[in-house]
Every structure is written in structure tokens, then in C-alpha cells.
Amino acid sequence: DYRYFPDPDLLPLELDPAWVEKIRASLPELPDAKKARFMKDYGLSAYDAGVLVAEKDTGAYYEAVAKGRDAKLASNWVTGELFGRLNKAGTALADSPVSAAAVGELVDLIADNTISGRIAKDVFDEMFASGKGARAIVEEKGLKQITDTGAIETAIDQVIAANADKADQVRAGKDALLGWFVGQVMKATGGKANPAKVNELLRAKLTG
């Protein structure tokens, strides 16, 4: 009757749970886990999250931009404007002339309506070319968004007066022309008028 009695020295050691947790915490976050976290914590699509976790530096850059801000807006600027410009210039993210903090500042200016999304693109062009901060460029070039109702109404009245025939068509039910009027008012204000306010005021004046 042969029975096997394992050698005590060969038995697996019982690992200290605290030590195991410490080792687990020290391991880098794997791409799939980070992608799932970005989707859950930031509300990103699977595609955007996948793009942002493709490289370790990319994920870190995005999180620095998104922290405490509109996460989806931050994603749009990092994956769209920044990556597009870096690709066009043949420049790696590590050599970007625009830091995460600088993109974050730009996102802040959009979020608080200091500048419109269209003006933000012009500001970003200048940031990429000069390395200057978004707020400094906005102040230097006088690009703050016009939110004053009186100033916007003045521009609207001028555009309507210069295009009375088209205004009559809108009043007659041709709502498609409203978009054209919005474009004309934005052009008249150098793109600085708040688009939502322009749309609201135009509708009130042309459709009642």
C-alpha cells in the first residue's frame, strides 16, 4: 500500500494578501482595462476610447486634458484637432507644441462660452504655430465671443435689412433659409457671436 505524502518543502507558499495587492497595484493598466474605464468614467464611444488607449502616452495626455472638464469635448479636441494636426505635421505626440494643459485651457474657454467652437479652431491653429496659450491668444486678438443680446440683434437687423427678399421667404415658411441667415450674421460678427443666441433671436424676428 503505497501512499503519497507530499514533501512539505514543495508545497505552495501561502501568499500574503496585502503583498499580492501591492504587486497588483504596481502593474501597469492594460489597454483593454483602460478602454473599458474610459468608456465607463468618461462616457466615450468604444472607437474613441480605443484610439486614446492605443499608446500609453496618448491615454495619459487625454486624461490630463479631460480631468475636471467635459470629457467628450476633450476627446473631440485630442482625437480630432490635435491628432489631425500632428499627423499633418508629421510630429509625434511627445513633440507636440501644444501641451495637455494648453488644450485643457482651450476646452475651458469653449465650455464657458468665452469663444465659439469655430473661433476655437483658429485659436488652436495659432497655438500650434506659436506655442502660445489659448487665453493669451484670445485676449491678444480680441476673439471673445459676443453674447450681448443688443450687439447680436444689431447685426441681425442689418443682415435682415440687406436681404429683405430672403427674410420675406422665411416669413412665408421657407425655414431652410434660417441657416443661411445664421451664417450671414456669424460672418458679420467675425464668427464671434454666440451661435445659439443668433439662432434664437433670428427665429424670434423672422418666424415670430
Protein backbone atom coordinates (compact mmCIF):
# COMPACT_ATOMS: atom_id res chain seq x y z
CA ASP A 1 0.00 0.00 0.00
CA TYR A 2 1.88 2.99 -1.30
CA ARG A 3 0.63 6.35 -0.29
CA TYR A 4 1.98 9.69 -1.48
CA PHE A 5 2.93 12.16 1.18
CA PRO A 6 3.99 15.46 -0.44
CA ASP A 7 7.24 16.96 0.65
CA PRO A 8 6.34 19.98 2.87
CA ASP A 9 9.16 21.92 1.26
CA LEU A 10 7.48 21.58 -2.15
CA LEU A 11 4.03 22.75 -1.08
CA PRO A 12 2.95 26.16 -2.50
CA LEU A 13 3.50 29.02 -0.16
CA GLU A 14 0.53 30.93 1.21
CA LEU A 15 0.93 34.44 -0.13
CA ASP A 16 0.25 37.48 1.98
CA PRO A 17 -2.91 39.15 0.54
CA ALA A 18 -1.52 42.61 1.26
CA TRP A 19 1.65 41.79 -0.69
CA VAL A 20 -0.40 40.42 -3.61
CA GLU A 21 -2.49 43.61 -3.70
CA LYS A 22 0.63 45.74 -3.59
CA ILE A 23 2.05 43.88 -6.61
CA ARG A 24 -1.29 44.17 -8.44
CA ALA A 25 -1.40 47.93 -7.84
CA SER A 26 2.13 48.33 -9.19
CA LEU A 27 1.29 46.68 -12.51
CA PRO A 28 0.53 48.99 -15.46
CA GLU A 29 -3.11 49.25 -16.54
CA LEU A 30 -3.66 47.02 -19.56
CA PRO A 31 -5.15 48.58 -22.74
CA ASP A 32 -8.43 46.65 -22.58
CA ALA A 33 -8.96 47.60 -18.94
CA LYS A 34 -8.14 51.24 -19.69
CA LYS A 35 -10.51 51.25 -22.67
CA ALA A 36 -13.33 49.93 -20.51
CA ARG A 37 -12.56 52.54 -17.84
CA PHE A 38 -12.54 55.38 -20.38
CA MET A 39 -15.91 54.26 -21.68
CA LYS A 40 -17.35 53.99 -18.17
CA ASP A 41 -15.76 57.04 -16.49
CA TYR A 42 -15.71 59.44 -19.43
CA GLY A 43 -18.71 58.24 -21.43
CA LEU A 44 -16.63 57.72 -24.57
CA SER A 45 -17.56 55.52 -27.51
CA ALA A 46 -15.68 52.25 -27.98
CA TYR A 47 -13.95 53.75 -31.02
CA ASP A 48 -12.74 56.93 -29.29
CA ALA A 49 -11.65 55.01 -26.20
CA GLY A 50 -9.76 52.57 -28.40
CA VAL A 51 -7.91 55.38 -30.16
CA LEU A 52 -6.97 57.00 -26.86
CA VAL A 53 -5.58 53.84 -25.26
CA ALA A 54 -3.62 52.68 -28.31
CA GLU A 55 -0.49 54.24 -26.79
CA LYS A 56 0.31 54.75 -23.12
CA ASP A 57 1.31 58.40 -23.66
CA THR A 58 -1.92 59.11 -25.55
CA GLY A 59 -4.10 57.91 -22.69
CA ALA A 60 -2.13 59.95 -20.16
CA TYR A 61 -2.34 63.06 -22.35
CA TYR A 62 -6.10 62.70 -22.74
CA GLU A 63 -6.71 62.20 -19.04
CA ALA A 64 -4.70 65.35 -18.29
CA VAL A 65 -6.96 67.29 -20.68
CA ALA A 66 -10.22 65.69 -19.51
CA LYS A 67 -9.69 65.91 -15.76
CA GLY A 68 -12.46 68.08 -14.30
CA ARG A 69 -13.74 69.02 -17.77
CA ASP A 70 -16.26 67.94 -20.39
CA ALA A 71 -14.74 64.55 -21.22
CA LYS A 72 -16.37 64.20 -24.64
CA LEU A 73 -15.37 67.70 -25.69
CA ALA A 74 -11.82 66.93 -24.53
CA SER A 75 -11.85 63.72 -26.58
CA ASN A 76 -13.02 65.57 -29.69
CA TRP A 77 -10.17 68.04 -29.43
CA VAL A 78 -7.49 65.45 -28.70
CA THR A 79 -8.52 62.85 -31.28
CA GLY A 80 -9.76 65.32 -33.86
CA GLU A 81 -7.95 68.64 -33.93
CA LEU A 82 -4.72 67.69 -32.14
CA PHE A 83 -4.12 64.29 -33.75
CA GLY A 84 -5.11 65.65 -37.14
CA ARG A 85 -2.64 68.50 -36.87
CA LEU A 86 0.16 66.27 -35.53
CA ASN A 87 -0.40 63.82 -38.37
CA LYS A 88 -0.34 66.59 -40.95
CA ALA A 89 2.88 67.97 -39.50
CA GLY A 90 4.45 64.52 -39.14
CA THR A 91 5.01 65.22 -35.45
CA ALA A 92 4.78 62.72 -32.59
CA LEU A 93 2.63 63.45 -29.56
CA ALA A 94 5.76 63.61 -27.40
CA ASP A 95 6.97 66.53 -29.54
CA SER A 96 3.63 68.36 -29.70
CA PRO A 97 3.98 72.14 -29.39
CA VAL A 98 0.62 72.13 -27.59
CA SER A 99 0.65 70.61 -24.11
CA ALA A 100 -2.27 68.82 -22.45
CA ALA A 101 -2.65 71.80 -20.11
CA ALA A 102 -2.89 74.13 -23.12
CA VAL A 103 -5.61 72.02 -24.77
CA GLY A 104 -7.41 71.93 -21.43
CA GLU A 105 -7.34 75.72 -21.27
CA LEU A 106 -8.84 75.90 -24.76
CA VAL A 107 -11.60 73.44 -23.79
CA ASP A 108 -12.36 75.61 -20.75
CA LEU A 109 -12.80 78.68 -22.96
CA ILE A 110 -15.25 76.81 -25.19
CA ALA A 111 -17.16 75.36 -22.25
CA ASP A 112 -17.69 78.74 -20.55
CA ASN A 113 -18.68 80.40 -23.87
CA THR A 114 -15.68 82.73 -23.91
CA ILE A 115 -15.13 81.60 -27.52
CA SER A 116 -17.21 79.69 -30.05
CA GLY A 117 -16.20 76.33 -31.47
CA ARG A 118 -15.37 77.93 -34.81
CA ILE A 119 -13.14 80.58 -33.26
CA ALA A 120 -11.53 77.85 -31.13
CA LYS A 121 -10.18 76.23 -34.28
CA ASP A 122 -8.50 79.48 -35.29
CA VAL A 123 -7.09 79.82 -31.78
CA PHE A 124 -5.77 76.26 -31.93
CA ASP A 125 -4.04 76.97 -35.24
CA GLU A 126 -2.22 79.85 -33.57
CA MET A 127 -1.41 77.72 -30.52
CA PHE A 128 0.13 75.02 -32.69
CA ALA A 129 2.13 77.52 -34.72
CA SER A 130 3.35 79.76 -31.90
CA GLY A 131 3.17 77.70 -28.72
CA LYS A 132 1.17 80.49 -27.06
CA GLY A 133 -1.64 79.77 -24.61
CA ALA A 134 -5.29 79.88 -25.68
CA ARG A 135 -6.32 82.61 -23.25
CA ALA A 136 -3.40 84.82 -24.26
CA ILE A 137 -4.29 84.47 -27.95
CA VAL A 138 -7.96 85.24 -27.32
CA GLU A 139 -7.07 88.39 -25.38
CA GLU A 140 -4.40 89.48 -27.85
CA LYS A 141 -6.65 89.10 -30.90
CA GLY A 142 -9.92 90.18 -29.29
CA LEU A 143 -11.67 86.91 -30.04
CA LYS A 144 -14.06 86.74 -27.11
CA GLN A 145 -17.50 85.53 -28.08
CA ILE A 146 -20.25 88.12 -28.35
CA THR A 147 -23.06 87.14 -26.00
CA ASP A 148 -24.57 90.59 -25.56
CA THR A 149 -28.11 90.36 -26.95
CA GLY A 150 -28.17 94.00 -28.05
CA ALA A 151 -25.00 93.66 -30.13
CA ILE A 152 -26.25 90.45 -31.76
CA GLU A 153 -29.66 91.98 -32.52
CA THR A 154 -27.97 94.93 -34.22
CA ALA A 155 -26.06 92.57 -36.50
CA ILE A 156 -29.22 90.57 -37.21
CA ASP A 157 -31.22 93.68 -38.08
CA GLN A 158 -28.52 94.79 -40.51
CA VAL A 159 -28.43 91.39 -42.23
CA ILE A 160 -32.24 91.25 -42.49
CA ALA A 161 -32.40 94.79 -43.89
CA ALA A 162 -29.80 93.93 -46.52
CA ASN A 163 -31.66 90.74 -47.51
CA ALA A 164 -35.32 91.72 -47.22
CA ASP A 165 -36.37 89.37 -50.04
CA LYS A 166 -34.93 86.34 -48.30
CA ALA A 167 -36.39 87.47 -44.97
CA ASP A 168 -39.84 87.55 -46.61
CA GLN A 169 -39.30 84.00 -47.87
CA VAL A 170 -38.57 82.83 -44.32
CA ARG A 171 -41.68 84.58 -43.04
CA ALA A 172 -43.61 82.81 -45.80
CA GLY A 173 -42.49 79.45 -44.42
CA LYS A 174 -39.15 78.76 -46.06
CA ASP A 175 -37.39 77.78 -42.82
CA ALA A 176 -34.40 76.31 -44.67
CA LEU A 177 -33.16 79.87 -45.22
CA LEU A 178 -32.74 80.39 -41.47
CA GLY A 179 -29.43 78.57 -41.65
CA TRP A 180 -28.28 80.97 -44.35
CA PHE A 181 -29.17 83.94 -42.14
CA VAL A 182 -27.28 82.42 -39.21
CA GLY A 183 -24.24 82.11 -41.45
CA GLN A 184 -24.52 85.73 -42.58
CA VAL A 185 -24.79 87.03 -39.01
CA MET A 186 -21.81 84.92 -37.93
CA LYS A 187 -19.85 86.29 -40.89
CA ALA A 188 -20.84 89.85 -39.99
CA THR A 189 -19.60 89.37 -36.44
CA GLY A 190 -16.36 87.71 -37.46
CA GLY A 191 -17.62 84.40 -36.10
CA LYS A 192 -17.71 85.81 -32.58
CA ALA A 193 -21.46 85.85 -31.98
CA ASN A 194 -22.89 83.05 -29.86
CA PRO A 195 -24.47 80.73 -32.50
CA ALA A 196 -27.27 79.52 -30.22
CA LYS A 197 -28.23 83.11 -29.37
CA VAL A 198 -28.11 84.11 -33.05
CA ASN A 199 -30.42 81.23 -33.95
CA GLU A 200 -32.82 82.07 -31.14
CA LEU A 201 -33.04 85.77 -31.99
CA LEU A 202 -33.36 85.16 -35.73
CA ARG A 203 -36.26 82.77 -35.21
CA ALA A 204 -37.99 85.30 -32.99
CA LYS A 205 -37.59 88.06 -35.59
CA LEU A 206 -38.38 86.06 -38.72
CA THR A 207 -40.88 83.44 -37.62
CA GLY A 208 -42.41 85.00 -34.54
